[in-house]
Amino acid sequence: MTEKLDTREQILQAAMERIMHYGYAKTTMAEIARDCGMSAGNIYRFFASKIDIAEAMARKLNMEINAQNAALVRKQMPAAEKMRVFHHIAMTKTFEKLDKDAKVLEVAEVLSSERPTFANEEMAQERVYLVQILEQGVAEGAFAPMENPNFIAEMMQSATMKFRYPQLWSRLTLPKLERELDGVMDIVLAGLSVPIKTLEKMNAE
């Protein structure tokens, strides 16, 4: 790791610790600089603003999530089961993280408001894994053939958005959310087992 990357990682780690302790709104760039033993001006060489630090924090977490999703996709299990597990793991891990520390929820709300493109990038990456599971299901004969699996993955994301960041959309307990997600996945998986060309044609029109 180069000295520049070392310094950037030091700043990011100090910022994460301060934000997780005091919250995003109560953290300043000057305080982060002081924690790192450097000037505020030096911080700005690596991060243009506090929201850039928040995004870097989220990207670091997403690297772990993407590695987890990639590992799940490689597992030997039926595609339908894998699809259900994929969504349950995503919901449970996010719910527990946000439930454990309201300051994480604060960062998520700020990013959602100020960096909507970040969420779009995250969803695009998730679709890569969903498409792989869909294609596995087609190969197994569990899912009907589909002309545009990326479109189907996008629609699945729309149908399950409530469960992606549960506390941003509802105040339900985890057991109630799990019950709802199971019901939604029952419907989605049943739909995947029959031809869905009609939906794809509607999208093309």
N, C-alpha and C. Protein backbone atom coordinates (compact mmCIF):
# COMPACT_ATOMS: atom_id res chain seq x y z
N MET A 1 0.84 -1.19 0.00
CA MET A 1 0.00 0.00 0.00
C MET A 1 0.88 1.25 0.00
N THR A 2 0.61 2.20 -0.89
CA THR A 2 1.43 3.41 -0.98
C THR A 2 1.15 4.32 0.21
N GLU A 3 2.06 5.30 0.39
CA GLU A 3 1.89 6.24 1.50
C GLU A 3 0.58 7.02 1.35
N LYS A 4 0.22 7.37 0.09
CA LYS A 4 -1.01 8.12 -0.14
C LYS A 4 -2.23 7.30 0.26
N LEU A 5 -2.22 6.01 -0.09
CA LEU A 5 -3.35 5.14 0.27
C LEU A 5 -3.38 4.92 1.77
N ASP A 6 -2.19 4.82 2.39
CA ASP A 6 -2.12 4.68 3.85
C ASP A 6 -2.79 5.86 4.54
N THR A 7 -2.47 7.07 4.05
CA THR A 7 -3.03 8.28 4.66
C THR A 7 -4.54 8.33 4.45
N ARG A 8 -4.99 7.98 3.26
CA ARG A 8 -6.43 8.00 2.97
C ARG A 8 -7.15 7.01 3.89
N GLU A 9 -6.58 5.84 4.07
CA GLU A 9 -7.18 4.83 4.93
C GLU A 9 -7.19 5.29 6.39
N GLN A 10 -6.13 5.97 6.80
CA GLN A 10 -6.07 6.51 8.16
C GLN A 10 -7.19 7.53 8.39
N ILE A 11 -7.37 8.40 7.41
CA ILE A 11 -8.44 9.41 7.53
C ILE A 11 -9.81 8.74 7.58
N LEU A 12 -10.00 7.77 6.71
CA LEU A 12 -11.29 7.09 6.64
C LEU A 12 -11.58 6.36 7.95
N GLN A 13 -10.59 5.70 8.50
CA GLN A 13 -10.78 4.97 9.75
C GLN A 13 -11.11 5.93 10.89
N ALA A 14 -10.38 7.05 10.96
CA ALA A 14 -10.64 8.04 12.02
C ALA A 14 -12.05 8.62 11.88
N ALA A 15 -12.45 8.88 10.62
CA ALA A 15 -13.78 9.44 10.37
C ALA A 15 -14.87 8.45 10.77
N MET A 16 -14.67 7.18 10.44
CA MET A 16 -15.65 6.15 10.79
C MET A 16 -15.82 6.06 12.30
N GLU A 17 -14.71 6.08 13.02
CA GLU A 17 -14.78 5.97 14.48
C GLU A 17 -15.50 7.17 15.08
N ARG A 18 -15.21 8.36 14.57
CA ARG A 18 -15.84 9.57 15.12
C ARG A 18 -17.33 9.61 14.76
N ILE A 19 -17.66 9.31 13.53
CA ILE A 19 -19.06 9.35 13.10
C ILE A 19 -19.88 8.30 13.84
N MET A 20 -19.30 7.10 14.03
CA MET A 20 -20.03 6.06 14.76
C MET A 20 -20.22 6.41 16.23
N HIS A 21 -19.36 7.30 16.75
CA HIS A 21 -19.48 7.70 18.16
C HIS A 21 -20.37 8.93 18.34
N TYR A 22 -20.15 9.94 17.51
CA TYR A 22 -20.86 11.21 17.69
C TYR A 22 -22.00 11.42 16.69
N GLY A 23 -21.98 10.69 15.59
CA GLY A 23 -22.98 10.90 14.55
C GLY A 23 -22.44 11.74 13.41
N TYR A 24 -23.07 11.62 12.26
CA TYR A 24 -22.59 12.33 11.06
C TYR A 24 -22.74 13.84 11.21
N ALA A 25 -23.89 14.29 11.66
CA ALA A 25 -24.15 15.73 11.73
C ALA A 25 -23.23 16.44 12.72
N LYS A 26 -22.84 15.74 13.78
CA LYS A 26 -22.02 16.37 14.82
C LYS A 26 -20.52 16.20 14.58
N THR A 27 -20.16 15.62 13.45
CA THR A 27 -18.75 15.44 13.12
C THR A 27 -18.32 16.49 12.10
N THR A 28 -17.16 17.09 12.33
CA THR A 28 -16.63 18.09 11.39
C THR A 28 -15.33 17.60 10.79
N MET A 29 -14.97 18.16 9.65
CA MET A 29 -13.71 17.81 9.00
C MET A 29 -12.53 18.19 9.90
N ALA A 30 -12.66 19.31 10.62
CA ALA A 30 -11.58 19.75 11.50
C ALA A 30 -11.34 18.73 12.61
N GLU A 31 -12.42 18.14 13.13
CA GLU A 31 -12.27 17.14 14.19
C GLU A 31 -11.61 15.87 13.66
N ILE A 32 -12.00 15.48 12.45
CA ILE A 32 -11.38 14.30 11.84
C ILE A 32 -9.89 14.55 11.64
N ALA A 33 -9.56 15.74 11.18
CA ALA A 33 -8.15 16.11 10.97
C ALA A 33 -7.38 16.03 12.28
N ARG A 34 -7.99 16.55 13.34
CA ARG A 34 -7.34 16.53 14.65
C ARG A 34 -7.11 15.10 15.12
N ASP A 35 -8.08 14.24 14.88
CA ASP A 35 -7.94 12.83 15.26
C ASP A 35 -6.79 12.16 14.52
N CYS A 36 -6.52 12.64 13.30
CA CYS A 36 -5.45 12.07 12.48
C CYS A 36 -4.11 12.76 12.73
N GLY A 37 -4.12 13.82 13.52
CA GLY A 37 -2.90 14.56 13.78
C GLY A 37 -2.40 15.32 12.57
N MET A 38 -3.33 15.84 11.79
CA MET A 38 -2.96 16.60 10.59
C MET A 38 -3.84 17.83 10.46
N SER A 39 -3.51 18.68 9.52
CA SER A 39 -4.30 19.90 9.32
C SER A 39 -5.56 19.59 8.54
N ALA A 40 -6.56 20.46 8.71
CA ALA A 40 -7.81 20.29 7.96
C ALA A 40 -7.54 20.39 6.47
N GLY A 41 -6.60 21.25 6.09
CA GLY A 41 -6.27 21.40 4.67
C GLY A 41 -5.76 20.11 4.07
N ASN A 42 -5.04 19.34 4.86
CA ASN A 42 -4.51 18.06 4.35
C ASN A 42 -5.63 17.06 4.12
N ILE A 43 -6.66 17.10 4.98
CA ILE A 43 -7.81 16.20 4.82
C ILE A 43 -8.45 16.42 3.45
N TYR A 44 -8.56 17.69 3.06
CA TYR A 44 -9.24 18.02 1.80
C TYR A 44 -8.46 17.57 0.57
N ARG A 45 -7.20 17.21 0.74
CA ARG A 45 -6.44 16.64 -0.38
C ARG A 45 -6.96 15.25 -0.73
N PHE A 46 -7.58 14.60 0.24
CA PHE A 46 -8.05 13.22 0.06
C PHE A 46 -9.57 13.11 -0.06
N PHE A 47 -10.28 13.98 0.63
CA PHE A 47 -11.74 13.98 0.59
C PHE A 47 -12.22 15.42 0.45
N ALA A 48 -12.96 15.69 -0.60
CA ALA A 48 -13.41 17.07 -0.87
C ALA A 48 -14.43 17.56 0.14
N SER A 49 -15.16 16.64 0.76
CA SER A 49 -16.20 17.05 1.71
C SER A 49 -16.53 15.88 2.63
N LYS A 50 -17.32 16.16 3.64
CA LYS A 50 -17.71 15.12 4.60
C LYS A 50 -18.58 14.06 3.93
N ILE A 51 -19.42 14.47 2.98
CA ILE A 51 -20.27 13.50 2.30
C ILE A 51 -19.43 12.52 1.48
N ASP A 52 -18.26 12.97 1.00
CA ASP A 52 -17.36 12.07 0.28
C ASP A 52 -16.81 11.00 1.22
N ILE A 53 -16.57 11.39 2.47
CA ILE A 53 -16.12 10.41 3.46
C ILE A 53 -17.23 9.41 3.75
N ALA A 54 -18.45 9.90 3.87
CA ALA A 54 -19.59 9.00 4.12
C ALA A 54 -19.74 8.00 2.98
N GLU A 55 -19.58 8.49 1.76
CA GLU A 55 -19.69 7.59 0.61
C GLU A 55 -18.56 6.56 0.62
N ALA A 56 -17.37 6.99 0.98
CA ALA A 56 -16.24 6.06 1.05
C ALA A 56 -16.49 4.98 2.11
N MET A 57 -17.10 5.38 3.22
CA MET A 57 -17.46 4.42 4.26
C MET A 57 -18.42 3.37 3.70
N ALA A 58 -19.43 3.85 2.99
CA ALA A 58 -20.44 2.94 2.43
C ALA A 58 -19.83 2.03 1.37
N ARG A 59 -18.93 2.56 0.57
CA ARG A 59 -18.28 1.75 -0.46
C ARG A 59 -17.44 0.63 0.17
N LYS A 60 -16.80 0.96 1.28
CA LYS A 60 -16.01 -0.06 1.97
C LYS A 60 -16.90 -1.18 2.47
N LEU A 61 -18.05 -0.83 3.02
CA LEU A 61 -19.01 -1.84 3.47
C LEU A 61 -19.53 -2.64 2.29
N ASN A 62 -19.79 -1.98 1.17
CA ASN A 62 -20.32 -2.67 0.00
C ASN A 62 -19.34 -3.67 -0.59
N MET A 63 -18.06 -3.41 -0.42
CA MET A 63 -17.06 -4.39 -0.88
C MET A 63 -17.25 -5.71 -0.15
N GLU A 64 -17.54 -5.63 1.15
CA GLU A 64 -17.78 -6.84 1.94
C GLU A 64 -19.08 -7.52 1.48
N ILE A 65 -20.10 -6.72 1.22
CA ILE A 65 -21.38 -7.27 0.79
C ILE A 65 -21.25 -7.95 -0.57
N ASN A 66 -20.51 -7.32 -1.49
CA ASN A 66 -20.33 -7.89 -2.81
C ASN A 66 -19.55 -9.21 -2.75
N ALA A 67 -18.56 -9.26 -1.86
CA ALA A 67 -17.81 -10.51 -1.69
C ALA A 67 -18.72 -11.61 -1.15
N GLN A 68 -19.60 -11.23 -0.23
CA GLN A 68 -20.57 -12.17 0.34
C GLN A 68 -21.54 -12.66 -0.74
N ASN A 69 -22.03 -11.75 -1.58
CA ASN A 69 -22.96 -12.13 -2.65
C ASN A 69 -22.29 -13.04 -3.66
N ALA A 70 -21.04 -12.73 -4.00
CA ALA A 70 -20.31 -13.55 -4.97
C ALA A 70 -20.13 -14.97 -4.43
N ALA A 71 -19.85 -15.08 -3.13
CA ALA A 71 -19.67 -16.40 -2.52
C ALA A 71 -20.98 -17.18 -2.54
N LEU A 72 -22.10 -16.49 -2.29
CA LEU A 72 -23.40 -17.16 -2.30
C LEU A 72 -23.72 -17.66 -3.71
N VAL A 73 -23.46 -16.85 -4.72
CA VAL A 73 -23.74 -17.24 -6.10
C VAL A 73 -22.98 -18.51 -6.46
N ARG A 74 -21.77 -18.67 -5.93
CA ARG A 74 -20.95 -19.85 -6.26
C ARG A 74 -21.39 -21.10 -5.51
N LYS A 75 -22.21 -20.96 -4.48
CA LYS A 75 -22.61 -22.11 -3.68
C LYS A 75 -23.44 -23.10 -4.49
N GLN A 76 -23.31 -24.37 -4.10
CA GLN A 76 -24.08 -25.42 -4.76
C GLN A 76 -25.43 -25.55 -4.05
N MET A 77 -26.44 -24.89 -4.60
CA MET A 77 -27.79 -25.02 -4.08
C MET A 77 -28.75 -24.61 -5.19
N PRO A 78 -29.99 -25.08 -5.16
CA PRO A 78 -30.95 -24.72 -6.21
C PRO A 78 -31.11 -23.20 -6.32
N ALA A 79 -31.31 -22.73 -7.54
CA ALA A 79 -31.40 -21.28 -7.78
C ALA A 79 -32.53 -20.64 -7.00
N ALA A 80 -33.67 -21.31 -6.90
CA ALA A 80 -34.81 -20.73 -6.18
C ALA A 80 -34.46 -20.51 -4.71
N GLU A 81 -33.81 -21.51 -4.12
CA GLU A 81 -33.39 -21.38 -2.72
C GLU A 81 -32.34 -20.28 -2.58
N LYS A 82 -31.43 -20.24 -3.54
CA LYS A 82 -30.36 -19.23 -3.51
C LYS A 82 -30.94 -17.82 -3.61
N MET A 83 -31.96 -17.66 -4.44
CA MET A 83 -32.59 -16.36 -4.61
C MET A 83 -33.25 -15.91 -3.30
N ARG A 84 -33.88 -16.83 -2.62
CA ARG A 84 -34.55 -16.51 -1.36
C ARG A 84 -33.50 -16.14 -0.29
N VAL A 85 -32.44 -16.94 -0.21
CA VAL A 85 -31.38 -16.69 0.76
C VAL A 85 -30.71 -15.35 0.49
N PHE A 86 -30.48 -15.05 -0.79
CA PHE A 86 -29.84 -13.79 -1.20
C PHE A 86 -30.58 -12.60 -0.61
N HIS A 87 -31.90 -12.59 -0.75
CA HIS A 87 -32.69 -11.46 -0.27
C HIS A 87 -32.80 -11.43 1.26
N HIS A 88 -32.88 -12.60 1.87
CA HIS A 88 -32.98 -12.63 3.33
C HIS A 88 -31.68 -12.17 3.98
N ILE A 89 -30.56 -12.59 3.45
CA ILE A 89 -29.27 -12.17 4.02
C ILE A 89 -29.11 -10.66 3.89
N ALA A 90 -29.44 -10.13 2.71
CA ALA A 90 -29.31 -8.69 2.47
C ALA A 90 -30.16 -7.91 3.46
N MET A 91 -31.39 -8.35 3.67
CA MET A 91 -32.28 -7.64 4.58
C MET A 91 -31.82 -7.76 6.03
N THR A 92 -31.48 -8.98 6.45
CA THR A 92 -31.13 -9.22 7.85
C THR A 92 -29.88 -8.47 8.26
N LYS A 93 -28.84 -8.54 7.42
CA LYS A 93 -27.59 -7.86 7.76
C LYS A 93 -27.78 -6.35 7.84
N THR A 94 -28.53 -5.80 6.89
CA THR A 94 -28.75 -4.36 6.90
C THR A 94 -29.60 -3.96 8.10
N PHE A 95 -30.65 -4.72 8.36
CA PHE A 95 -31.54 -4.41 9.49
C PHE A 95 -30.74 -4.41 10.79
N GLU A 96 -29.93 -5.44 10.99
CA GLU A 96 -29.18 -5.56 12.24
C GLU A 96 -28.16 -4.43 12.39
N LYS A 97 -27.54 -4.06 11.29
CA LYS A 97 -26.54 -2.99 11.34
C LYS A 97 -27.21 -1.65 11.68
N LEU A 98 -28.34 -1.37 11.03
CA LEU A 98 -29.04 -0.12 11.29
C LEU A 98 -29.71 -0.11 12.66
N ASP A 99 -30.17 -1.28 13.10
CA ASP A 99 -30.84 -1.37 14.39
C ASP A 99 -29.84 -1.24 15.54
N LYS A 100 -28.63 -1.71 15.31
CA LYS A 100 -27.59 -1.67 16.34
C LYS A 100 -27.10 -0.26 16.61
N ASP A 101 -27.04 0.55 15.57
CA ASP A 101 -26.49 1.89 15.74
C ASP A 101 -27.25 2.88 14.87
N ALA A 102 -27.98 3.78 15.50
CA ALA A 102 -28.77 4.78 14.76
C ALA A 102 -27.88 5.69 13.93
N LYS A 103 -26.60 5.78 14.28
CA LYS A 103 -25.69 6.65 13.55
C LYS A 103 -25.41 6.11 12.15
N VAL A 104 -25.48 4.79 11.99
CA VAL A 104 -25.35 4.19 10.67
C VAL A 104 -26.56 4.56 9.82
N LEU A 105 -27.74 4.54 10.45
CA LEU A 105 -28.97 4.93 9.76
C LEU A 105 -28.88 6.39 9.32
N GLU A 106 -28.29 7.24 10.16
CA GLU A 106 -28.13 8.65 9.82
C GLU A 106 -27.29 8.80 8.56
N VAL A 107 -26.19 8.06 8.48
CA VAL A 107 -25.33 8.11 7.29
C VAL A 107 -26.09 7.62 6.06
N ALA A 108 -26.86 6.54 6.22
CA ALA A 108 -27.63 6.00 5.11
C ALA A 108 -28.66 7.01 4.60
N GLU A 109 -29.30 7.72 5.52
CA GLU A 109 -30.29 8.73 5.13
C GLU A 109 -29.63 9.90 4.40
N VAL A 110 -28.47 10.31 4.87
CA VAL A 110 -27.75 11.41 4.21
C VAL A 110 -27.34 11.01 2.80
N LEU A 111 -26.79 9.80 2.66
CA LEU A 111 -26.37 9.34 1.34
C LEU A 111 -27.57 9.22 0.40
N SER A 112 -28.68 8.71 0.92
CA SER A 112 -29.88 8.57 0.10
C SER A 112 -30.34 9.91 -0.43
N SER A 113 -30.20 10.95 0.38
CA SER A 113 -30.65 12.29 0.00
C SER A 113 -29.64 13.02 -0.89
N GLU A 114 -28.36 12.95 -0.52
CA GLU A 114 -27.35 13.76 -1.20
C GLU A 114 -26.58 13.04 -2.30
N ARG A 115 -26.57 11.72 -2.27
CA ARG A 115 -25.85 10.96 -3.29
C ARG A 115 -26.71 9.82 -3.85
N PRO A 116 -27.83 10.18 -4.51
CA PRO A 116 -28.70 9.13 -5.04
C PRO A 116 -28.02 8.26 -6.09
N THR A 117 -27.03 8.81 -6.79
CA THR A 117 -26.34 8.00 -7.80
C THR A 117 -25.56 6.86 -7.17
N PHE A 118 -25.13 7.05 -5.92
CA PHE A 118 -24.41 5.98 -5.22
C PHE A 118 -25.31 4.76 -5.06
N ALA A 119 -26.54 4.98 -4.65
CA ALA A 119 -27.49 3.87 -4.49
C ALA A 119 -27.75 3.19 -5.83
N ASN A 120 -27.79 3.97 -6.91
CA ASN A 120 -28.01 3.38 -8.24
C ASN A 120 -26.85 2.47 -8.62
N GLU A 121 -25.64 2.90 -8.30
CA GLU A 121 -24.47 2.07 -8.59
C GLU A 121 -24.51 0.77 -7.79
N GLU A 122 -24.91 0.90 -6.54
CA GLU A 122 -25.01 -0.28 -5.67
C GLU A 122 -26.04 -1.26 -6.22
N MET A 123 -27.18 -0.75 -6.66
CA MET A 123 -28.22 -1.61 -7.21
C MET A 123 -27.76 -2.29 -8.50
N ALA A 124 -27.00 -1.56 -9.32
CA ALA A 124 -26.48 -2.13 -10.56
C ALA A 124 -25.54 -3.29 -10.26
N GLN A 125 -24.71 -3.13 -9.24
CA GLN A 125 -23.79 -4.22 -8.87
C GLN A 125 -24.57 -5.42 -8.36
N GLU A 126 -25.60 -5.17 -7.57
CA GLU A 126 -26.41 -6.27 -7.06
C GLU A 126 -27.08 -7.04 -8.20
N ARG A 127 -27.48 -6.31 -9.25
CA ARG A 127 -28.13 -6.98 -10.38
C ARG A 127 -27.22 -7.98 -11.06
N VAL A 128 -25.93 -7.74 -11.02
CA VAL A 128 -24.98 -8.69 -11.61
C VAL A 128 -25.16 -10.07 -10.98
N TYR A 129 -25.29 -10.10 -9.66
CA TYR A 129 -25.45 -11.37 -8.96
C TYR A 129 -26.85 -11.95 -9.15
N LEU A 130 -27.85 -11.09 -9.17
CA LEU A 130 -29.22 -11.57 -9.39
C LEU A 130 -29.35 -12.22 -10.77
N VAL A 131 -28.73 -11.60 -11.78
CA VAL A 131 -28.77 -12.15 -13.13
C VAL A 131 -28.11 -13.54 -13.16
N GLN A 132 -27.02 -13.69 -12.45
CA GLN A 132 -26.35 -14.99 -12.42
C GLN A 132 -27.25 -16.06 -11.81
N ILE A 133 -27.97 -15.70 -10.76
CA ILE A 133 -28.89 -16.66 -10.14
C ILE A 133 -30.05 -16.97 -11.08
N LEU A 134 -30.57 -15.94 -11.75
CA LEU A 134 -31.65 -16.16 -12.71
C LEU A 134 -31.20 -17.10 -13.83
N GLU A 135 -30.02 -16.88 -14.34
CA GLU A 135 -29.50 -17.73 -15.42
C GLU A 135 -29.27 -19.16 -14.95
N GLN A 136 -28.85 -19.31 -13.71
CA GLN A 136 -28.70 -20.65 -13.13
C GLN A 136 -30.07 -21.34 -13.08
N GLY A 137 -31.09 -20.56 -12.64
CA GLY A 137 -32.43 -21.14 -12.55
C GLY A 137 -32.97 -21.58 -13.89
N VAL A 138 -32.69 -20.79 -14.93
CA VAL A 138 -33.12 -21.17 -16.28
C VAL A 138 -32.40 -22.45 -16.71
N ALA A 139 -31.09 -22.53 -16.44
CA ALA A 139 -30.31 -23.71 -16.82
C ALA A 139 -30.81 -24.96 -16.09
N GLU A 140 -31.27 -24.80 -14.86
CA GLU A 140 -31.80 -25.92 -14.08
C GLU A 140 -33.20 -26.32 -14.54
N GLY A 141 -33.88 -25.42 -15.23
CA GLY A 141 -35.26 -25.67 -15.61
C GLY A 141 -36.25 -25.22 -14.55
N ALA A 142 -35.74 -24.58 -13.48
CA ALA A 142 -36.61 -24.10 -12.41
C ALA A 142 -37.29 -22.80 -12.79
N PHE A 143 -36.62 -21.97 -13.60
CA PHE A 143 -37.17 -20.70 -14.07
C PHE A 143 -37.43 -20.81 -15.57
N ALA A 144 -38.47 -20.13 -16.02
CA ALA A 144 -38.78 -20.12 -17.44
C ALA A 144 -37.71 -19.34 -18.20
N PRO A 145 -37.45 -19.69 -19.46
CA PRO A 145 -36.49 -18.93 -20.26
C PRO A 145 -36.88 -17.45 -20.30
N MET A 146 -35.89 -16.58 -20.32
CA MET A 146 -36.15 -15.14 -20.34
C MET A 146 -35.19 -14.47 -21.29
N GLU A 147 -35.72 -13.51 -22.06
CA GLU A 147 -34.90 -12.82 -23.05
C GLU A 147 -34.03 -11.75 -22.43
N ASN A 148 -34.48 -11.17 -21.33
CA ASN A 148 -33.76 -10.05 -20.73
C ASN A 148 -33.69 -10.22 -19.21
N PRO A 149 -32.77 -11.06 -18.73
CA PRO A 149 -32.68 -11.29 -17.29
C PRO A 149 -32.30 -10.04 -16.49
N ASN A 150 -31.60 -9.09 -17.11
CA ASN A 150 -31.25 -7.88 -16.40
C ASN A 150 -32.50 -7.07 -16.06
N PHE A 151 -33.47 -7.05 -17.00
CA PHE A 151 -34.73 -6.36 -16.75
C PHE A 151 -35.50 -7.05 -15.63
N ILE A 152 -35.52 -8.39 -15.65
CA ILE A 152 -36.21 -9.14 -14.60
C ILE A 152 -35.56 -8.86 -13.25
N ALA A 153 -34.23 -8.82 -13.21
CA ALA A 153 -33.52 -8.53 -11.96
C ALA A 153 -33.88 -7.13 -11.46
N GLU A 154 -33.99 -6.18 -12.37
CA GLU A 154 -34.34 -4.81 -12.00
C GLU A 154 -35.75 -4.76 -11.40
N MET A 155 -36.68 -5.49 -12.00
CA MET A 155 -38.04 -5.51 -11.48
C MET A 155 -38.10 -6.20 -10.11
N MET A 156 -37.26 -7.22 -9.92
CA MET A 156 -37.20 -7.87 -8.61
C MET A 156 -36.71 -6.88 -7.56
N GLN A 157 -35.74 -6.08 -7.91
CA GLN A 157 -35.25 -5.07 -6.98
C GLN A 157 -36.36 -4.09 -6.62
N SER A 158 -37.14 -3.70 -7.60
CA SER A 158 -38.25 -2.78 -7.34
C SER A 158 -39.27 -3.41 -6.38
N ALA A 159 -39.54 -4.70 -6.59
CA ALA A 159 -40.52 -5.40 -5.76
C ALA A 159 -40.04 -5.60 -4.33
N THR A 160 -38.72 -5.63 -4.13
CA THR A 160 -38.17 -5.92 -2.79
C THR A 160 -37.47 -4.71 -2.17
N MET A 161 -37.67 -3.51 -2.74
CA MET A 161 -36.96 -2.32 -2.26
C MET A 161 -37.21 -2.05 -0.77
N LYS A 162 -38.41 -2.33 -0.31
CA LYS A 162 -38.76 -2.11 1.09
C LYS A 162 -37.82 -2.86 2.02
N PHE A 163 -37.30 -4.00 1.56
CA PHE A 163 -36.49 -4.85 2.41
C PHE A 163 -34.99 -4.57 2.29
N ARG A 164 -34.63 -3.68 1.35
CA ARG A 164 -33.21 -3.40 1.14
C ARG A 164 -32.64 -2.57 2.29
N TYR A 165 -33.36 -1.52 2.67
CA TYR A 165 -33.00 -0.69 3.83
C TYR A 165 -34.25 -0.56 4.69
N PRO A 166 -34.59 -1.60 5.43
CA PRO A 166 -35.89 -1.67 6.12
C PRO A 166 -36.26 -0.45 6.95
N GLN A 167 -35.31 0.06 7.74
CA GLN A 167 -35.64 1.16 8.64
C GLN A 167 -35.87 2.48 7.91
N LEU A 168 -35.46 2.56 6.65
CA LEU A 168 -35.74 3.77 5.88
C LEU A 168 -37.17 3.78 5.36
N TRP A 169 -37.80 2.61 5.32
CA TRP A 169 -39.12 2.51 4.71
C TRP A 169 -40.22 2.12 5.68
N SER A 170 -39.86 1.54 6.82
CA SER A 170 -40.91 1.09 7.75
C SER A 170 -40.37 1.04 9.16
N ARG A 171 -41.25 0.73 10.10
CA ARG A 171 -40.85 0.56 11.50
C ARG A 171 -41.22 -0.83 11.98
N LEU A 172 -41.29 -1.78 11.05
CA LEU A 172 -41.64 -3.14 11.40
C LEU A 172 -40.46 -3.86 12.07
N THR A 173 -40.78 -4.86 12.90
CA THR A 173 -39.74 -5.67 13.52
C THR A 173 -39.18 -6.62 12.47
N LEU A 174 -38.01 -7.18 12.76
CA LEU A 174 -37.39 -8.10 11.82
C LEU A 174 -38.26 -9.33 11.53
N PRO A 175 -38.87 -9.97 12.54
CA PRO A 175 -39.74 -11.12 12.24
C PRO A 175 -40.89 -10.77 11.29
N LYS A 176 -41.49 -9.59 11.46
CA LYS A 176 -42.58 -9.19 10.57
C LYS A 176 -42.07 -8.93 9.16
N LEU A 177 -40.89 -8.34 9.07
CA LEU A 177 -40.29 -8.11 7.75
C LEU A 177 -39.95 -9.43 7.08
N GLU A 178 -39.45 -10.38 7.84
CA GLU A 178 -39.12 -11.71 7.28
C GLU A 178 -40.37 -12.39 6.75
N ARG A 179 -41.47 -12.25 7.48
CA ARG A 179 -42.74 -12.83 7.03
C ARG A 179 -43.17 -12.20 5.71
N GLU A 180 -43.07 -10.86 5.63
CA GLU A 180 -43.46 -10.16 4.41
C GLU A 180 -42.55 -10.55 3.24
N LEU A 181 -41.24 -10.61 3.51
CA LEU A 181 -40.31 -10.95 2.45
C LEU A 181 -40.56 -12.36 1.93
N ASP A 182 -40.85 -13.29 2.84
CA ASP A 182 -41.17 -14.65 2.41
C ASP A 182 -42.38 -14.66 1.48
N GLY A 183 -43.39 -13.87 1.81
CA GLY A 183 -44.57 -13.80 0.97
C GLY A 183 -44.27 -13.22 -0.40
N VAL A 184 -43.48 -12.16 -0.42
CA VAL A 184 -43.10 -11.54 -1.70
C VAL A 184 -42.28 -12.52 -2.53
N MET A 185 -41.34 -13.22 -1.89
CA MET A 185 -40.50 -14.17 -2.64
C MET A 185 -41.31 -15.35 -3.15
N ASP A 186 -42.33 -15.77 -2.40
CA ASP A 186 -43.22 -16.84 -2.89
C ASP A 186 -43.84 -16.42 -4.23
N ILE A 187 -44.31 -15.19 -4.27
CA ILE A 187 -44.96 -14.68 -5.49
C ILE A 187 -43.94 -14.52 -6.62
N VAL A 188 -42.78 -13.95 -6.30
CA VAL A 188 -41.75 -13.73 -7.32
C VAL A 188 -41.26 -15.05 -7.90
N LEU A 189 -40.97 -16.01 -7.04
CA LEU A 189 -40.45 -17.30 -7.52
C LEU A 189 -41.50 -18.06 -8.32
N ALA A 190 -42.76 -17.93 -7.91
CA ALA A 190 -43.84 -18.57 -8.68
C ALA A 190 -43.92 -17.94 -10.06
N GLY A 191 -43.76 -16.62 -10.13
CA GLY A 191 -43.79 -15.92 -11.41
C GLY A 191 -42.63 -16.30 -12.32
N LEU A 192 -41.48 -16.57 -11.73
CA LEU A 192 -40.30 -16.93 -12.52
C LEU A 192 -40.43 -18.31 -13.16
N SER A 193 -41.34 -19.11 -12.64
CA SER A 193 -41.47 -20.48 -13.16
C SER A 193 -42.34 -20.56 -14.40
N VAL A 194 -42.96 -19.44 -14.78
CA VAL A 194 -43.80 -19.44 -15.98
C VAL A 194 -43.25 -18.42 -16.98
N PRO A 195 -43.58 -18.57 -18.27
CA PRO A 195 -43.06 -17.64 -19.28
C PRO A 195 -43.38 -16.19 -18.93
N ILE A 196 -42.40 -15.31 -19.07
CA ILE A 196 -42.59 -13.91 -18.72
C ILE A 196 -42.26 -12.99 -19.89
N LYS A 197 -42.45 -13.51 -21.09
CA LYS A 197 -42.16 -12.70 -22.27
C LYS A 197 -43.09 -11.49 -22.35
N THR A 198 -44.29 -11.62 -21.82
CA THR A 198 -45.23 -10.50 -21.85
C THR A 198 -44.64 -9.29 -21.14
N LEU A 199 -44.04 -9.52 -19.98
CA LEU A 199 -43.42 -8.42 -19.24
C LEU A 199 -42.30 -7.81 -20.05
N GLU A 200 -41.48 -8.66 -20.68
CA GLU A 200 -40.34 -8.16 -21.43
C GLU A 200 -40.80 -7.36 -22.65
N LYS A 201 -41.89 -7.80 -23.26
CA LYS A 201 -42.42 -7.05 -24.40
C LYS A 201 -42.94 -5.70 -23.96
N MET A 202 -43.60 -5.67 -22.78
CA MET A 202 -44.10 -4.41 -22.26
C MET A 202 -42.94 -3.45 -22.03
N ASN A 203 -41.83 -3.96 -21.56
CA ASN A 203 -40.66 -3.11 -21.30
C ASN A 203 -40.08 -2.57 -22.60
N ALA A 204 -40.18 -3.36 -23.68
CA ALA A 204 -39.58 -2.96 -24.96
C ALA A 204 -40.44 -1.93 -25.68
N GLU A 205 -41.71 -1.85 -25.35
CA GLU A 205 -42.63 -0.93 -26.06
C GLU A 205 -42.42 0.52 -25.66
